[in-house]
Amino acid sequence: MPLYPNALTLIRKNLEAIQRGERVPMVAIGTLTMNQLEAINAHRLPHNPNLQPVIDEVVFIGKHTYNSRILGDGYTVDDVVEQIGFAMDASAVFDGGLPMQTIKNPRGRADRYGNTSIRDTAVFECTARRPNPELYSVIPKGDRIKPRMHKGPSL
């Protein structure tokens, strides 16, 4: 399984700490499968042969995810933790992208807002924390019904 057993707890702690305005540590949350890792490296390297390959261990901070999904889209911490759990599933497949790299869960899931075929996509930044890919964001593709927008403090 790509996520470590304590990963969802670590992700939640970081997102909740960001919500309180605290600085958070970078945490290791899991690994990419061999197929995911090989696909990401095979896609990145031809575009810039000077890049070093990334390794399989994924790290997470959460600031961008918090700002875009919680503040920007109105999702809750619970929603985002669920999105990450699905996006980082072993069944997720490489979905391309430059300069970021993405994997998408091909299985649709239902959410509590009435969406029934969301395919969560994990977005990785692969240079700032090298050799580790950083889970930079998650995108719930297919979420046509959005949570109620709320105005929270901007960070």
Protein backbone atom coordinates (compact mmCIF):
# COMPACT_ATOMS: atom_id res chain seq x y z
CA MET A 1 0.00 0.00 0.00
CA PRO A 2 1.48 3.35 -0.98
CA LEU A 3 0.38 5.23 2.17
CA TYR A 4 2.09 4.38 5.44
CA PRO A 5 -0.24 3.17 8.23
CA ASN A 6 0.03 6.53 10.05
CA ALA A 7 -0.09 8.70 6.92
CA LEU A 8 -3.68 9.93 7.17
CA THR A 9 -3.06 10.94 10.79
CA LEU A 10 0.08 12.87 9.80
CA ILE A 11 -1.73 14.55 6.91
CA ARG A 12 -4.63 15.55 9.17
CA LYS A 13 -2.25 16.91 11.83
CA ASN A 14 -0.44 19.09 9.29
CA LEU A 15 -3.67 20.42 7.77
CA GLU A 16 -5.17 21.19 11.19
CA ALA A 17 -1.96 22.90 12.33
CA ILE A 18 -1.95 25.04 9.17
CA GLN A 19 -5.58 25.89 9.92
CA ARG A 20 -4.44 27.19 13.33
CA GLY A 21 -1.74 29.26 11.66
CA GLU A 22 1.16 27.07 12.78
CA ARG A 23 4.25 26.03 10.85
CA VAL A 24 4.31 22.36 10.02
CA PRO A 25 7.06 19.81 9.43
CA MET A 26 7.61 17.91 6.22
CA VAL A 27 6.46 14.33 6.89
CA ALA A 28 6.96 11.08 5.00
CA ILE A 29 3.51 9.69 4.15
CA GLY A 30 4.11 6.72 1.87
CA THR A 31 5.63 5.42 -1.30
CA LEU A 32 4.86 5.30 -4.97
CA THR A 33 4.44 1.88 -6.51
CA MET A 34 7.22 0.71 -8.82
CA ASN A 35 4.97 1.38 -11.86
CA GLN A 36 4.10 4.89 -10.65
CA LEU A 37 7.74 5.71 -9.90
CA GLU A 38 9.02 4.38 -13.22
CA ALA A 39 6.33 6.28 -15.16
CA ILE A 40 7.08 9.57 -13.39
CA ASN A 41 10.83 9.28 -13.92
CA ALA A 42 10.41 8.14 -17.53
CA HIS A 43 8.22 11.17 -18.23
CA ARG A 44 10.38 13.76 -16.46
CA LEU A 45 13.86 12.89 -17.59
CA PRO A 46 13.53 13.32 -21.38
CA HIS A 47 12.33 16.90 -20.82
CA ASN A 48 15.44 17.72 -18.80
CA PRO A 49 18.27 15.16 -18.88
CA ASN A 50 20.01 16.96 -15.98
CA LEU A 51 17.23 15.99 -13.56
CA GLN A 52 18.00 13.32 -11.03
CA PRO A 53 15.37 10.57 -10.76
CA VAL A 54 13.01 10.81 -7.81
CA ILE A 55 12.81 8.01 -5.26
CA ASP A 56 9.65 6.26 -4.17
CA GLU A 57 9.12 7.86 -0.72
CA VAL A 58 6.54 10.68 -0.84
CA VAL A 59 6.67 13.64 1.56
CA PHE A 60 3.93 16.10 2.51
CA ILE A 61 3.77 19.57 4.01
CA GLY A 62 0.25 20.65 3.10
CA LYS A 63 0.29 24.46 2.80
CA HIS A 64 -0.65 24.55 -0.89
CA THR A 65 -3.22 21.78 -0.45
CA TYR A 66 -4.79 23.67 2.45
CA ASN A 67 -4.88 26.97 0.56
CA SER A 68 -6.30 25.54 -2.65
CA ARG A 69 -8.69 22.83 -1.48
CA ILE A 70 -9.84 24.10 1.94
CA LEU A 71 -9.64 27.88 1.65
CA GLY A 72 -10.10 28.05 -2.12
CA ASP A 73 -12.68 25.33 -2.76
CA GLY A 74 -14.38 25.12 0.63
CA TYR A 75 -13.56 21.48 1.40
CA THR A 76 -13.05 20.34 4.98
CA VAL A 77 -9.94 18.69 6.40
CA ASP A 78 -11.91 15.42 6.40
CA ASP A 79 -12.70 15.85 2.70
CA VAL A 80 -9.06 16.49 1.80
CA VAL A 81 -7.79 13.55 3.86
CA GLU A 82 -10.25 11.31 1.99
CA GLN A 83 -9.19 12.77 -1.38
CA ILE A 84 -5.53 12.10 -0.62
CA GLY A 85 -6.28 8.56 0.54
CA PHE A 86 -7.95 7.75 -2.77
CA ALA A 87 -5.44 9.64 -4.93
CA MET A 88 -2.50 7.81 -3.35
CA ASP A 89 -4.05 4.36 -3.81
CA ALA A 90 -1.88 1.62 -5.28
CA SER A 91 -4.28 1.45 -8.25
CA ALA A 92 -3.59 5.09 -9.22
CA VAL A 93 -1.92 5.46 -12.60
CA PHE A 94 0.44 8.04 -14.03
CA ASP A 95 -1.52 10.89 -15.60
CA GLY A 96 1.25 13.11 -16.97
CA GLY A 97 1.81 16.76 -16.44
CA LEU A 98 4.71 19.17 -16.48
CA PRO A 99 6.22 20.75 -14.51
CA MET A 100 4.24 18.82 -11.87
CA GLN A 101 3.66 15.08 -12.16
CA THR A 102 0.31 13.46 -11.42
CA ILE A 103 -1.23 10.10 -10.68
CA LYS A 104 -4.98 9.52 -10.82
CA ASN A 105 -7.14 6.88 -9.20
CA PRO A 106 -9.06 5.24 -12.07
CA ARG A 107 -11.84 4.10 -9.74
CA GLY A 108 -14.61 6.59 -9.14
CA ARG A 109 -15.73 7.33 -5.61
CA ALA A 110 -18.75 9.06 -4.15
CA ASP A 111 -18.47 11.99 -1.74
CA ARG A 112 -20.85 13.49 0.79
CA TYR A 113 -21.85 16.30 -1.59
CA GLY A 114 -23.62 14.04 -4.09
CA ASN A 115 -20.79 13.50 -6.55
CA THR A 116 -20.63 9.86 -7.62
CA SER A 117 -17.66 9.45 -9.94
CA ILE A 118 -14.74 11.46 -8.57
CA ARG A 119 -11.31 10.39 -9.74
CA ASP A 120 -8.87 11.87 -7.26
CA THR A 121 -5.56 13.08 -8.67
CA ALA A 122 -2.36 13.49 -6.65
CA VAL A 123 -0.06 16.28 -7.83
CA PHE A 124 3.65 15.94 -7.08
CA GLU A 125 6.36 18.57 -7.07
CA CYS A 126 9.51 16.60 -7.86
CA THR A 127 12.40 19.04 -7.54
CA ALA A 128 12.14 21.15 -4.36
CA ARG A 129 12.43 18.21 -1.92
CA ARG A 130 14.49 15.95 -4.15
CA PRO A 131 15.09 13.17 -4.28
CA ASN A 132 11.63 12.80 -2.70
CA PRO A 133 8.47 13.72 -4.59
CA GLU A 134 6.30 16.07 -2.51
CA LEU A 135 2.54 15.57 -2.51
CA TYR A 136 1.85 19.17 -3.44
CA SER A 137 -1.89 19.00 -3.96
CA VAL A 138 -4.85 16.77 -4.64
CA ILE A 139 -7.58 17.43 -7.19
CA PRO A 140 -11.00 15.77 -6.92
CA LYS A 141 -11.70 15.54 -10.68
CA GLY A 142 -15.38 15.16 -11.43
CA ASP A 143 -16.68 17.07 -8.38
CA ARG A 144 -19.44 18.93 -10.16
CA ILE A 145 -21.27 19.63 -6.91
CA LYS A 146 -19.01 21.76 -4.70
CA PRO A 147 -19.17 22.21 -0.94
CA ARG A 148 -20.55 25.53 0.23
CA MET A 149 -17.90 28.15 -0.10
CA HIS A 150 -16.82 29.70 3.16
CA LYS A 151 -14.63 32.63 4.01
CA GLY A 152 -11.82 31.67 6.30
CA PRO A 153 -8.63 33.45 7.27
CA SER A 154 -6.11 33.54 4.47
CA LEU A 155 -2.65 32.30 5.25
